[in-house]
PDB file of N, CA and C in Angstrom:
ATOM      1  N   MET A   1      67.762   5.374  88.121  1.00  0.00           N
ATOM      2  CA  MET A   1      68.790   5.542  89.094  1.00  0.00           C
ATOM      3  C   MET A   1      69.318   6.972  89.037  1.00  0.00           C
ATOM      4  N   PRO A   2      69.281   7.618  90.161  1.00  0.00           N
ATOM      5  CA  PRO A   2      69.640   9.031  90.162  1.00  0.00           C
ATOM      6  C   PRO A   2      71.146   9.251  90.102  1.00  0.00           C
ATOM      7  N   ASP A   3      71.503  10.311  89.444  1.00  0.00           N
ATOM      8  CA  ASP A   3      72.894  10.737  89.402  1.00  0.00           C
ATOM      9  C   ASP A   3      72.938  12.155  89.959  1.00  0.00           C
ATOM     10  N   ILE A   4      74.116  12.677  90.157  1.00  0.00           N
ATOM     11  CA  ILE A   4      74.249  14.037  90.658  1.00  0.00           C
ATOM     12  C   ILE A   4      73.629  15.005  89.649  1.00  0.00           C
ATOM     13  N   ASP A   5      72.805  15.914  90.147  1.00  0.00           N
ATOM     14  CA  ASP A   5      72.192  16.937  89.302  1.00  0.00           C
ATOM     15  C   ASP A   5      73.087  18.172  89.343  1.00  0.00           C
ATOM     16  N   ARG A   6      73.894  18.331  88.336  1.00  0.00           N
ATOM     17  CA  ARG A   6      74.858  19.425  88.305  1.00  0.00           C
ATOM     18  C   ARG A   6      74.229  20.763  87.915  1.00  0.00           C
ATOM     19  N   THR A   7      72.920  20.760  87.633  1.00  0.00           N
ATOM     20  CA  THR A   7      72.230  22.011  87.310  1.00  0.00           C
ATOM     21  C   THR A   7      71.679  22.695  88.559  1.00  0.00           C
ATOM     22  N   VAL A   8      71.723  21.994  89.696  1.00  0.00           N
ATOM     23  CA  VAL A   8      71.223  22.527  90.960  1.00  0.00           C
ATOM     24  C   VAL A   8      72.423  22.794  91.854  1.00  0.00           C
ATOM     25  N   ASP A   9      72.350  23.858  92.637  1.00  0.00           N
ATOM     26  CA  ASP A   9      73.474  24.224  93.492  1.00  0.00           C
ATOM     27  C   ASP A   9      73.574  23.290  94.692  1.00  0.00           C
ATOM     28  N   ILE A  10      74.810  23.007  95.095  1.00  0.00           N
ATOM     29  CA  ILE A  10      75.074  22.228  96.290  1.00  0.00           C
ATOM     30  C   ILE A  10      74.746  23.097  97.503  1.00  0.00           C
ATOM     31  N   LYS A  11      74.339  22.458  98.598  1.00  0.00           N
ATOM     32  CA  LYS A  11      74.074  23.201  99.832  1.00  0.00           C
ATOM     33  C   LYS A  11      75.203  22.889 100.812  1.00  0.00           C
ATOM     34  N   VAL A  12      75.739  23.930 101.424  1.00  0.00           N
ATOM     35  CA  VAL A  12      76.803  23.763 102.413  1.00  0.00           C
ATOM     36  C   VAL A  12      76.361  24.469 103.687  1.00  0.00           C
ATOM     37  N   ASN A  13      76.370  23.715 104.788  1.00  0.00           N
ATOM     38  CA  ASN A  13      75.921  24.264 106.071  1.00  0.00           C
ATOM     39  C   ASN A  13      76.961  23.956 107.146  1.00  0.00           C
ATOM     40  N   ALA A  14      77.197  24.920 108.020  1.00  0.00           N
ATOM     41  CA  ALA A  14      78.062  24.714 109.176  1.00  0.00           C
ATOM     42  C   ALA A  14      77.187  24.804 110.420  1.00  0.00           C
ATOM     43  N   ASP A  15      77.176  23.709 111.202  1.00  0.00           N
ATOM     44  CA  ASP A  15      76.329  23.683 112.379  1.00  0.00           C
ATOM     45  C   ASP A  15      76.864  22.654 113.362  1.00  0.00           C
ATOM     46  N   ARG A  16      76.859  22.995 114.626  1.00  0.00           N
ATOM     47  CA  ARG A  16      77.237  22.072 115.702  1.00  0.00           C
ATOM     48  C   ARG A  16      78.578  21.383 115.481  1.00  0.00           C
ATOM     49  N   GLY A  17      79.563  22.122 115.058  1.00  0.00           N
ATOM     50  CA  GLY A  17      80.900  21.566 114.912  1.00  0.00           C
ATOM     51  C   GLY A  17      81.114  20.724 113.671  1.00  0.00           C
ATOM     52  N   MET A  18      80.140  20.660 112.796  1.00  0.00           N
ATOM     53  CA  MET A  18      80.276  19.891 111.557  1.00  0.00           C
ATOM     54  C   MET A  18      79.881  20.774 110.375  1.00  0.00           C
ATOM     55  N   VAL A  19      80.420  20.433 109.235  1.00  0.00           N
ATOM     56  CA  VAL A  19      80.015  21.068 107.988  1.00  0.00           C
ATOM     57  C   VAL A  19      79.349  19.971 107.160  1.00  0.00           C
ATOM     58  N   THR A  20      78.195  20.281 106.601  1.00  0.00           N
ATOM     59  CA  THR A  20      77.538  19.313 105.723  1.00  0.00           C
ATOM     60  C   THR A  20      77.549  19.843 104.303  1.00  0.00           C
ATOM     61  N   ALA A  21      77.820  18.939 103.390  1.00  0.00           N
ATOM     62  CA  ALA A  21      77.691  19.214 101.969  1.00  0.00           C
ATOM     63  C   ALA A  21      76.509  18.386 101.497  1.00  0.00           C
ATOM     64  N   GLU A  22      75.490  19.049 100.974  1.00  0.00           N
ATOM     65  CA  GLU A  22      74.285  18.375 100.501  1.00  0.00           C
ATOM     66  C   GLU A  22      74.315  18.367  98.977  1.00  0.00           C
ATOM     67  N   ILE A  23      74.483  17.164  98.428  1.00  0.00           N
ATOM     68  CA  ILE A  23      74.645  16.983  96.991  1.00  0.00           C
ATOM     69  C   ILE A  23      73.294  16.619  96.387  1.00  0.00           C
ATOM     70  N   PRO A  24      72.780  17.427  95.445  1.00  0.00           N
ATOM     71  CA  PRO A  24      71.466  17.140  94.861  1.00  0.00           C
ATOM     72  C   PRO A  24      71.551  16.018  93.821  1.00  0.00           C
ATOM     73  N   LEU A  25      70.596  15.116  93.889  1.00  0.00           N
ATOM     74  CA  LEU A  25      70.482  14.082  92.861  1.00  0.00           C
ATOM     75  C   LEU A  25      69.357  14.456  91.909  1.00  0.00           C
ATOM     76  N   ALA A  26      69.434  13.946  90.715  1.00  0.00           N
ATOM     77  CA  ALA A  26      68.405  14.209  89.702  1.00  0.00           C
ATOM     78  C   ALA A  26      67.211  13.303  89.999  1.00  0.00           C
ATOM     79  N   GLY A  27      66.210  13.859  90.617  1.00  0.00           N
ATOM     80  CA  GLY A  27      65.001  13.100  90.899  1.00  0.00           C
ATOM     81  C   GLY A  27      65.064  12.362  92.227  1.00  0.00           C
ATOM     82  N   HIS A  28      64.201  11.364  92.323  1.00  0.00           N
ATOM     83  CA  HIS A  28      64.046  10.606  93.561  1.00  0.00           C
ATOM     84  C   HIS A  28      64.682   9.227  93.419  1.00  0.00           C
ATOM     85  N   ALA A  29      65.371   8.822  94.461  1.00  0.00           N
ATOM     86  CA  ALA A  29      65.952   7.475  94.507  1.00  0.00           C
ATOM     87  C   ALA A  29      64.944   6.537  95.171  1.00  0.00           C
ATOM     88  N   SER A  30      64.975   5.285  94.772  1.00  0.00           N
ATOM     89  CA  SER A  30      64.087   4.297  95.389  1.00  0.00           C
ATOM     90  C   SER A  30      64.534   4.038  96.825  1.00  0.00           C
ATOM     91  N   GLU A  31      63.636   3.476  97.591  1.00  0.00           N
ATOM     92  CA  GLU A  31      63.986   3.113  98.966  1.00  0.00           C
ATOM     93  C   GLU A  31      65.137   2.111  98.968  1.00  0.00           C
ATOM     94  N   HIS A  32      65.110   1.168  98.037  1.00  0.00           N
ATOM     95  CA  HIS A  32      66.191   0.187  97.925  1.00  0.00           C
ATOM     96  C   HIS A  32      67.524   0.890  97.658  1.00  0.00           C
ATOM     97  N   TRP A  33      67.528   1.875  96.763  1.00  0.00           N
ATOM     98  CA  TRP A  33      68.752   2.621  96.444  1.00  0.00           C
ATOM     99  C   TRP A  33      69.273   3.320  97.684  1.00  0.00           C
ATOM    100  N   ARG A  34      68.386   3.987  98.423  1.00  0.00           N
ATOM    101  CA  ARG A  34      68.803   4.725  99.623  1.00  0.00           C
ATOM    102  C   ARG A  34      69.353   3.782 100.689  1.00  0.00           C
ATOM    103  N   GLU A  35      68.716   2.627 100.861  1.00  0.00           N
ATOM    104  CA  GLU A  35      69.208   1.652 101.842  1.00  0.00           C
ATOM    105  C   GLU A  35      70.582   1.127 101.439  1.00  0.00           C
ATOM    106  N   LEU A  36      70.736   0.822 100.166  1.00  0.00           N
ATOM    107  CA  LEU A  36      72.026   0.330  99.671  1.00  0.00           C
ATOM    108  C   LEU A  36      73.101   1.397  99.837  1.00  0.00           C
ATOM    109  N   PHE A  37      72.759   2.639  99.538  1.00  0.00           N
ATOM    110  CA  PHE A  37      73.719   3.728  99.720  1.00  0.00           C
ATOM    111  C   PHE A  37      74.156   3.803 101.179  1.00  0.00           C
ATOM    112  N   GLY A  38      73.202   3.720 102.095  1.00  0.00           N
ATOM    113  CA  GLY A  38      73.523   3.782 103.520  1.00  0.00           C
ATOM    114  C   GLY A  38      74.448   2.667 103.960  1.00  0.00           C
ATOM    115  N   LYS A  39      74.172   1.453 103.477  1.00  0.00           N
ATOM    116  CA  LYS A  39      75.031   0.314 103.839  1.00  0.00           C
ATOM    117  C   LYS A  39      76.442   0.500 103.294  1.00  0.00           C
ATOM    118  N   LEU A  40      76.548   0.851 102.027  1.00  0.00           N
ATOM    119  CA  LEU A  40      77.872   1.010 101.426  1.00  0.00           C
ATOM    120  C   LEU A  40      78.608   2.224 101.992  1.00  0.00           C
ATOM    121  N   ALA A  41      77.878   3.285 102.313  1.00  0.00           N
ATOM    122  CA  ALA A  41      78.523   4.474 102.891  1.00  0.00           C
ATOM    123  C   ALA A  41      79.117   4.149 104.250  1.00  0.00           C
ATOM    124  N   GLY A  42      78.460   3.269 104.984  1.00  0.00           N
ATOM    125  CA  GLY A  42      78.965   2.874 106.291  1.00  0.00           C
ATOM    126  C   GLY A  42      80.311   2.176 106.213  1.00  0.00           C
ATOM    127  N   HIS A  43      80.590   1.548 105.080  1.00  0.00           N
ATOM    128  CA  HIS A  43      81.854   0.833 104.899  1.00  0.00           C
ATOM    129  C   HIS A  43      82.861   1.615 104.071  1.00  0.00           C
ATOM    130  N   GLY A  44      82.383   2.473 103.172  1.00  0.00           N
ATOM    131  CA  GLY A  44      83.277   3.086 102.202  1.00  0.00           C
ATOM    132  C   GLY A  44      83.670   4.530 102.448  1.00  0.00           C
ATOM    133  N   MET A  45      83.061   5.171 103.415  1.00  0.00           N
ATOM    134  CA  MET A  45      83.351   6.587 103.650  1.00  0.00           C
ATOM    135  C   MET A  45      84.289   6.713 104.850  1.00  0.00           C
ATOM    136  N   GLN A  46      85.553   6.494 104.621  1.00  0.00           N
ATOM    137  CA  GLN A  46      86.558   6.576 105.678  1.00  0.00           C
ATOM    138  C   GLN A  46      86.719   8.012 106.157  1.00  0.00           C
ATOM    139  N   GLY A  47      86.559   8.243 107.443  1.00  0.00           N
ATOM    140  CA  GLY A  47      86.798   9.559 108.005  1.00  0.00           C
ATOM    141  C   GLY A  47      85.647  10.537 107.902  1.00  0.00           C
ATOM    142  N   SER A  48      84.559  10.152 107.269  1.00  0.00           N
ATOM    143  CA  SER A  48      83.386  11.030 107.205  1.00  0.00           C
ATOM    144  C   SER A  48      82.141  10.148 107.144  1.00  0.00           C
ATOM    145  N   ARG A  49      81.005  10.782 107.167  1.00  0.00           N
ATOM    146  CA  ARG A  49      79.733  10.069 107.145  1.00  0.00           C
ATOM    147  C   ARG A  49      78.898  10.603 105.997  1.00  0.00           C
ATOM    148  N   ALA A  50      78.126   9.731 105.373  1.00  0.00           N
ATOM    149  CA  ALA A  50      77.239  10.155 104.285  1.00  0.00           C
ATOM    150  C   ALA A  50      75.959   9.346 104.342  1.00  0.00           C
ATOM    151  N   GLU A  51      74.876   9.972 103.920  1.00  0.00           N
ATOM    152  CA  GLU A  51      73.607   9.263 103.801  1.00  0.00           C
ATOM    153  C   GLU A  51      72.781   9.909 102.702  1.00  0.00           C
ATOM    154  N   ALA A  52      71.834   9.136 102.192  1.00  0.00           N
ATOM    155  CA  ALA A  52      70.905   9.640 101.178  1.00  0.00           C
ATOM    156  C   ALA A  52      69.598   9.970 101.888  1.00  0.00           C
ATOM    157  N   GLU A  53      69.096  11.162 101.647  1.00  0.00           N
ATOM    158  CA  GLU A  53      67.877  11.619 102.311  1.00  0.00           C
ATOM    159  C   GLU A  53      66.835  12.017 101.267  1.00  0.00           C
ATOM    160  N   GLU A  54      65.662  11.451 101.408  1.00  0.00           N
ATOM    161  CA  GLU A  54      64.557  11.763 100.507  1.00  0.00           C
ATOM    162  C   GLU A  54      63.868  13.028 100.998  1.00  0.00           C
ATOM    163  N   ARG A  55      63.700  13.970 100.095  1.00  0.00           N
ATOM    164  CA  ARG A  55      62.975  15.202 100.399  1.00  0.00           C
ATOM    165  C   ARG A  55      61.885  15.391  99.361  1.00  0.00           C
ATOM    166  N   GLU A  56      61.086  16.403  99.555  1.00  0.00           N
ATOM    167  CA  GLU A  56      59.942  16.623  98.660  1.00  0.00           C
ATOM    168  C   GLU A  56      60.368  16.793  97.206  1.00  0.00           C
ATOM    169  N   ASP A  57      61.452  17.532  96.974  1.00  0.00           N
ATOM    170  CA  ASP A  57      61.836  17.856  95.606  1.00  0.00           C
ATOM    171  C   ASP A  57      62.719  16.804  94.937  1.00  0.00           C
ATOM    172  N   ARG A  58      63.503  16.059  95.728  1.00  0.00           N
ATOM    173  CA  ARG A  58      64.473  15.114  95.171  1.00  0.00           C
ATOM    174  C   ARG A  58      65.153  14.372  96.309  1.00  0.00           C
ATOM    175  N   THR A  59      66.066  13.490  95.967  1.00  0.00           N
ATOM    176  CA  THR A  59      66.934  12.853  96.953  1.00  0.00           C
ATOM    177  C   THR A  59      68.223  13.656  97.032  1.00  0.00           C
ATOM    178  N   TRP A  60      68.731  13.820  98.238  1.00  0.00           N
ATOM    179  CA  TRP A  60      69.986  14.525  98.475  1.00  0.00           C
ATOM    180  C   TRP A  60      70.947  13.565  99.161  1.00  0.00           C
ATOM    181  N   VAL A  61      72.207  13.643  98.800  1.00  0.00           N
ATOM    182  CA  VAL A  61      73.257  12.912  99.510  1.00  0.00           C
ATOM    183  C   VAL A  61      73.932  13.922 100.425  1.00  0.00           C
ATOM    184  N   ILE A  62      73.900  13.625 101.713  1.00  0.00           N
ATOM    185  CA  ILE A  62      74.486  14.527 102.699  1.00  0.00           C
ATOM    186  C   ILE A  62      75.806  13.919 103.180  1.00  0.00           C
ATOM    187  N   VAL A  63      76.848  14.729 103.116  1.00  0.00           N
ATOM    188  CA  VAL A  63      78.173  14.310 103.576  1.00  0.00           C
ATOM    189  C   VAL A  63      78.547  15.202 104.747  1.00  0.00           C
ATOM    190  N   TRP A  64      78.854  14.580 105.893  1.00  0.00           N
ATOM    191  CA  TRP A  64      79.285  15.320 107.074  1.00  0.00           C
ATOM    192  C   TRP A  64      80.801  15.398 107.065  1.00  0.00           C
ATOM    193  N   LEU A  65      81.308  16.603 107.239  1.00  0.00           N
ATOM    194  CA  LEU A  65      82.755  16.859 107.206  1.00  0.00           C
ATOM    195  C   LEU A  65      83.153  17.571 108.495  1.00  0.00           C
ATOM    196  N   SER A  66      84.247  17.142 109.074  1.00  0.00           N
ATOM    197  CA  SER A  66      84.703  17.741 110.320  1.00  0.00           C
ATOM    198  C   SER A  66      85.691  18.866 110.043  1.00  0.00           C
ATOM    199  N   PRO A  67      85.394  20.077 110.522  1.00  0.00           N
ATOM    200  CA  PRO A  67      86.333  21.184 110.323  1.00  0.00           C
ATOM    201  C   PRO A  67      87.510  21.134 111.303  1.00  0.00           C
ATOM    202  N   THR A  68      87.527  20.151 112.205  1.00  0.00           N
ATOM    203  CA  THR A  68      88.614  20.056 113.183  1.00  0.00           C
ATOM    204  C   THR A  68      89.741  19.139 112.715  1.00  0.00           C
ATOM    205  N   ARG A  69      89.594  18.556 111.545  1.00  0.00           N
ATOM    206  CA  ARG A  69      90.662  17.702 111.014  1.00  0.00           C
ATOM    207  C   ARG A  69      91.856  18.563 110.638  1.00  0.00           C
ATOM    208  N   LEU A  70      93.014  17.944 110.637  1.00  0.00           N
ATOM    209  CA  LEU A  70      94.215  18.672 110.239  1.00  0.00           C
ATOM    210  C   LEU A  70      94.178  19.033 108.760  1.00  0.00           C
ATOM    211  N   ASP A  71      93.642  18.147 107.951  1.00  0.00           N
ATOM    212  CA  ASP A  71      93.534  18.378 106.510  1.00  0.00           C
ATOM    213  C   ASP A  71      92.162  18.990 106.228  1.00  0.00           C
ATOM    214  N   LEU A  72      92.118  20.243 105.860  1.00  0.00           N
ATOM    215  CA  LEU A  72      90.848  20.930 105.655  1.00  0.00           C
ATOM    216  C   LEU A  72      90.378  20.886 104.202  1.00  0.00           C
ATOM    217  N   HIS A  73      90.842  19.926 103.453  1.00  0.00           N
ATOM    218  CA  HIS A  73      90.444  19.784 102.054  1.00  0.00           C
ATOM    219  C   HIS A  73      89.453  18.625 101.943  1.00  0.00           C
ATOM    220  N   PRO A  74      88.169  18.919 101.696  1.00  0.00           N
ATOM    221  CA  PRO A  74      87.146  17.874 101.667  1.00  0.00           C
ATOM    222  C   PRO A  74      87.024  17.133 100.336  1.00  0.00           C
ATOM    223  N   GLU A  75      87.833  17.491  99.356  1.00  0.00           N
ATOM    224  CA  GLU A  75      87.676  16.889  98.029  1.00  0.00           C
ATOM    225  C   GLU A  75      87.713  15.360  98.052  1.00  0.00           C
ATOM    226  N   PRO A  76      88.620  14.707  98.791  1.00  0.00           N
ATOM    227  CA  PRO A  76      88.611  13.238  98.785  1.00  0.00           C
ATOM    228  C   PRO A  76      87.296  12.643  99.294  1.00  0.00           C
ATOM    229  N   GLU A  77      86.710  13.239 100.327  1.00  0.00           N
ATOM    230  CA  GLU A  77      85.439  12.736 100.844  1.00  0.00           C
ATOM    231  C   GLU A  77      84.307  12.963  99.842  1.00  0.00           C
ATOM    232  N   LEU A  78      84.315  14.135  99.188  1.00  0.00           N
ATOM    233  CA  LEU A  78      83.281  14.414  98.193  1.00  0.00           C
ATOM    234  C   LEU A  78      83.450  13.531  96.964  1.00  0.00           C
ATOM    235  N   ASP A  79      84.700  13.279  96.570  1.00  0.00           N
ATOM    236  CA  ASP A  79      84.956  12.342  95.463  1.00  0.00           C
ATOM    237  C   ASP A  79      84.495  10.939  95.833  1.00  0.00           C
ATOM    238  N   ALA A  80      84.720  10.551  97.093  1.00  0.00           N
ATOM    239  CA  ALA A  80      84.276   9.229  97.547  1.00  0.00           C
ATOM    240  C   ALA A  80      82.757   9.128  97.511  1.00  0.00           C
ATOM    241  N   ALA A  81      82.062  10.199  97.908  1.00  0.00           N
ATOM    242  CA  ALA A  81      80.597  10.195  97.851  1.00  0.00           C
ATOM    243  C   ALA A  81      80.112  10.093  96.411  1.00  0.00           C
ATOM    244  N   SER A  82      80.758  10.821  95.511  1.00  0.00           N
ATOM    245  CA  SER A  82      80.393  10.764  94.097  1.00  0.00           C
ATOM    246  C   SER A  82      80.620   9.356  93.531  1.00  0.00           C
ATOM    247  N   ALA A  83      81.742   8.751  93.872  1.00  0.00           N
ATOM    248  CA  ALA A  83      82.030   7.388  93.413  1.00  0.00           C
ATOM    249  C   ALA A  83      81.025   6.405  93.999  1.00  0.00           C
ATOM    250  N   LEU A  84      80.619   6.637  95.238  1.00  0.00           N
ATOM    251  CA  LEU A  84      79.639   5.765  95.881  1.00  0.00           C
ATOM    252  C   LEU A  84      78.287   5.856  95.183  1.00  0.00           C
ATOM    253  N   ILE A  85      77.900   7.046  94.751  1.00  0.00           N
ATOM    254  CA  ILE A  85      76.653   7.209  94.001  1.00  0.00           C
ATOM    255  C   ILE A  85      76.705   6.362  92.732  1.00  0.00           C
ATOM    256  N   SER A  86      77.817   6.418  92.014  1.00  0.00           N
ATOM    257  CA  SER A  86      77.979   5.606  90.795  1.00  0.00           C
ATOM    258  C   SER A  86      77.948   4.121  91.112  1.00  0.00           C
ATOM    259  N   GLN A  87      78.594   3.738  92.207  1.00  0.00           N
ATOM    260  CA  GLN A  87      78.624   2.324  92.608  1.00  0.00           C
ATOM    261  C   GLN A  87      77.218   1.829  92.953  1.00  0.00           C
ATOM    262  N   VAL A  88      76.462   2.633  93.665  1.00  0.00           N
ATOM    263  CA  VAL A  88      75.093   2.245  94.026  1.00  0.00           C
ATOM    264  C   VAL A  88      74.220   2.170  92.778  1.00  0.00           C
ATOM    265  N   ASN A  89      74.401   3.102  91.839  1.00  0.00           N
ATOM    266  CA  ASN A  89      73.643   3.042  90.585  1.00  0.00           C
ATOM    267  C   ASN A  89      73.925   1.749  89.836  1.00  0.00           C
ATOM    268  N   ALA A  90      75.196   1.341  89.780  1.00  0.00           N
ATOM    269  CA  ALA A  90      75.551   0.098  89.092  1.00  0.00           C
ATOM    270  C   ALA A  90      74.938  -1.109  89.806  1.00  0.00           C
ATOM    271  N   ALA A  91      74.996  -1.118  91.134  1.00  0.00           N
ATOM    272  CA  ALA A  91      74.424  -2.224  91.899  1.00  0.00           C
ATOM    273  C   ALA A  91      72.905  -2.270  91.739  1.00  0.00           C
ATOM    274  N   GLU A  92      72.268  -1.102  91.736  1.00  0.00           N
ATOM    275  CA  GLU A  92      70.810  -1.038  91.559  1.00  0.00           C
ATOM    276  C   GLU A  92      70.414  -1.547  90.173  1.00  0.00           C
ATOM    277  N   GLN A  93      71.197  -1.182  89.160  1.00  0.00           N
ATOM    278  CA  GLN A  93      70.906  -1.643  87.803  1.00  0.00           C
ATOM    279  C   GLN A  93      71.056  -3.168  87.716  1.00  0.00           C
ATOM    280  N   GLU A  94      72.086  -3.697  88.335  1.00  0.00           N
ATOM    281  CA  GLU A  94      72.288  -5.148  88.346  1.00  0.00           C
ATOM    282  C   GLU A  94      71.144  -5.838  89.079  1.00  0.00           C
ATOM    283  N   TRP A  95      70.717  -5.268  90.201  1.00  0.00           N
ATOM    284  CA  TRP A  95      69.623  -5.838  90.971  1.00  0.00           C
ATOM    285  C   TRP A  95      68.331  -5.827  90.154  1.00  0.00           C
ATOM    286  N   GLN A  96      68.048  -4.697  89.491  1.00  0.00           N
ATOM    287  CA  GLN A  96      66.834  -4.598  88.684  1.00  0.00           C
ATOM    288  C   GLN A  96      66.862  -5.596  87.537  1.00  0.00           C
ATOM    289  N   SER A  97      68.017  -5.772  86.909  1.00  0.00           N
ATOM    290  CA  SER A  97      68.146  -6.729  85.822  1.00  0.00           C
ATOM    291  C   SER A  97      67.900  -8.148  86.329  1.00  0.00           C
ATOM    292  N   GLY A  98      68.499  -8.477  87.462  1.00  0.00           N
ATOM    293  CA  GLY A  98      68.295  -9.803  88.054  1.00  0.00           C
ATOM    294  C   GLY A  98      66.847 -10.025  88.441  1.00  0.00           C
ATOM    295  N   ALA A  99      66.223  -9.002  89.016  1.00  0.00           N
ATOM    296  CA  ALA A  99      64.817  -9.111  89.407  1.00  0.00           C
ATOM    297  C   ALA A  99      63.928  -9.321  88.188  1.00  0.00           C
ATOM    298  N   ALA A 100      64.224  -8.624  87.094  1.00  0.00           N
ATOM    299  CA  ALA A 100      63.438  -8.777  85.862  1.00  0.00           C
ATOM    300  C   ALA A 100      63.587 -10.191  85.294  1.00  0.00           C
ATOM    301  N   GLN A 101      64.794 -10.733  85.347  1.00  0.00           N
ATOM    302  CA  GLN A 101      65.024 -12.091  84.850  1.00  0.00           C
ATOM    303  C   GLN A 101      64.276 -13.106  85.703  1.00  0.00           C
ATOM    304  N   ILE A 102      64.303 -12.929  87.014  1.00  0.00           N
ATOM    305  CA  ILE A 102      63.591 -13.849  87.898  1.00  0.00           C
ATOM    306  C   ILE A 102      62.088 -13.736  87.688  1.00  0.00           C
ATOM    307  N   GLU A 103      61.597 -12.505  87.534  1.00  0.00           N
ATOM    308  CA  GLU A 103      60.166 -12.327  87.287  1.00  0.00           C
ATOM    309  C   GLU A 103      59.752 -13.047  86.003  1.00  0.00           C
ATOM    310  N   ALA A 104      60.541 -12.923  84.944  1.00  0.00           N
ATOM    311  CA  ALA A 104      60.228 -13.596  83.678  1.00  0.00           C
ATOM    312  C   ALA A 104      60.222 -15.112  83.864  1.00  0.00           C
ATOM    313  N   ALA A 105      61.171 -15.628  84.620  1.00  0.00           N
ATOM    314  CA  ALA A 105      61.234 -17.073  84.866  1.00  0.00           C
ATOM    315  C   ALA A 105      60.017 -17.543  85.661  1.00  0.00           C
ATOM    316  N   VAL A 106      59.607 -16.768  86.659  1.00  0.00           N
ATOM    317  CA  VAL A 106      58.426 -17.128  87.455  1.00  0.00           C
ATOM    318  C   VAL A 106      57.184 -17.129  86.581  1.00  0.00           C
ATOM    319  N   ARG A 107      57.033 -16.117  85.736  1.00  0.00           N
ATOM    320  CA  ARG A 107      55.858 -16.055  84.854  1.00  0.00           C
ATOM    321  C   ARG A 107      55.861 -17.199  83.839  1.00  0.00           C
ATOM    322  N   SER A 108      57.034 -17.553  83.338  1.00  0.00           N
ATOM    323  CA  SER A 108      57.144 -18.686  82.414  1.00  0.00           C
ATOM    324  C   SER A 108      56.747 -19.990  83.116  1.00  0.00           C
ATOM    325  N   TRP A 109      57.234 -20.157  84.331  1.00  0.00           N
ATOM    326  CA  TRP A 109      56.874 -21.351  85.107  1.00  0.00           C
ATOM    327  C   TRP A 109      55.365 -21.391  85.323  1.00  0.00           C
ATOM    328  N   TRP A 110      54.783 -20.243  85.661  1.00  0.00           N
ATOM    329  CA  TRP A 110      53.348 -20.199  85.919  1.00  0.00           C
ATOM    330  C   TRP A 110      52.552 -20.527  84.660  1.00  0.00           C
ATOM    331  N   ALA A 111      52.992 -20.020  83.520  1.00  0.00           N
ATOM    332  CA  ALA A 111      52.308 -20.325  82.262  1.00  0.00           C
ATOM    333  C   ALA A 111      52.355 -21.827  81.985  1.00  0.00           C
ATOM    334  N   ARG A 112      53.477 -22.466  82.268  1.00  0.00           N
ATOM    335  CA  ARG A 112      53.579 -23.927  82.081  1.00  0.00           C
ATOM    336  C   ARG A 112      52.639 -24.651  83.037  1.00  0.00           C
ATOM    337  N   GLN A 113      52.532 -24.145  84.258  1.00  0.00           N
ATOM    338  CA  GLN A 113      51.631 -24.775  85.230  1.00  0.00           C
ATOM    339  C   GLN A 113      50.194 -24.701  84.761  1.00  0.00           C
ATOM    340  N   GLN A 114      49.830 -23.574  84.178  1.00  0.00           N
ATOM    341  CA  GLN A 114      48.467 -23.411  83.707  1.00  0.00           C
ATOM    342  C   GLN A 114      48.199 -24.301  82.506  1.00  0.00           C
ATOM    343  N   GLY A 115      49.195 -24.552  81.698  1.00  0.00           N
ATOM    344  CA  GLY A 115      49.039 -25.420  80.532  1.00  0.00           C
ATOM    345  C   GLY A 115      48.978 -26.895  80.899  1.00  0.00           C
ATOM    346  N   GLU A 116      49.407 -27.242  82.085  1.00  0.00           N
ATOM    347  CA  GLU A 116      49.444 -28.639  82.525  1.00  0.00           C
ATOM    348  C   GLU A 116      48.289 -28.983  83.455  1.00  0.00           C
ATOM    349  N   ARG A 117      47.284 -28.149  83.495  1.00  0.00           N
ATOM    350  CA  ARG A 117      46.138 -28.417  84.385  1.00  0.00           C
ATOM    351  C   ARG A 117      45.439 -29.699  83.952  1.00  0.00           C
ATOM    352  N   PRO A 118      45.087 -30.526  84.918  1.00  0.00           N
ATOM    353  CA  PRO A 118      44.291 -31.710  84.557  1.00  0.00           C
ATOM    354  C   PRO A 118      42.903 -31.295  84.074  1.00  0.00           C
ATOM    355  N   ALA A 119      42.375 -32.049  83.160  1.00  0.00           N
ATOM    356  CA  ALA A 119      41.046 -31.750  82.626  1.00  0.00           C
ATOM    357  C   ALA A 119      40.016 -31.864  83.742  1.00  0.00           C
ATOM    358  N   ARG A 120      39.021 -30.976  83.673  1.00  0.00           N
ATOM    359  CA  ARG A 120      37.952 -31.007  84.684  1.00  0.00           C
ATOM    360  C   ARG A 120      37.029 -32.183  84.381  1.00  0.00           C
ATOM    361  N   ARG A 121      36.596 -32.800  85.425  1.00  0.00           N
ATOM    362  CA  ARG A 121      35.648 -33.914  85.261  1.00  0.00           C
ATOM    363  C   ARG A 121      34.236 -33.377  85.190  1.00  0.00           C
ATOM    364  N   SER A 122      33.434 -33.989  84.358  1.00  0.00           N
ATOM    365  CA  SER A 122      32.022 -33.599  84.289  1.00  0.00           C
ATOM    366  C   SER A 122      31.282 -34.321  85.373  1.00  0.00           C
ATOM    367  N   PRO A 123      30.307 -33.663  85.986  1.00  0.00           N
ATOM    368  CA  PRO A 123      29.523 -34.318  87.066  1.00  0.00           C
ATOM    369  C   PRO A 123      28.605 -35.383  86.566  1.00  0.00           C
TER     370      PRO A 123
END
């Protein structure tokens, strides 16, 4: 599960009436992680928009900030994005743990099924 890579510089771009802050993550996030981030960002990012974007070098979290707001301090939105990354990491870890437990249960069930095979009849 990727976390913010504080060794890489953030990218800030101003274009078409919006400012974007591109936060680098350490490595690549899974498709499931990116989808979960998108869903939670849609509900948790009040007043701004954020998404996780996969690129060749790593996954980036992009936060769109409006320079036309009365409050020109983006720290709350960036803090919210950072908290969302942590929240998605925790949810992904829980999901992976649950998936591993279910996989083990399925394999155990299958092993029991194989042990209960009826004996083959001779022709």
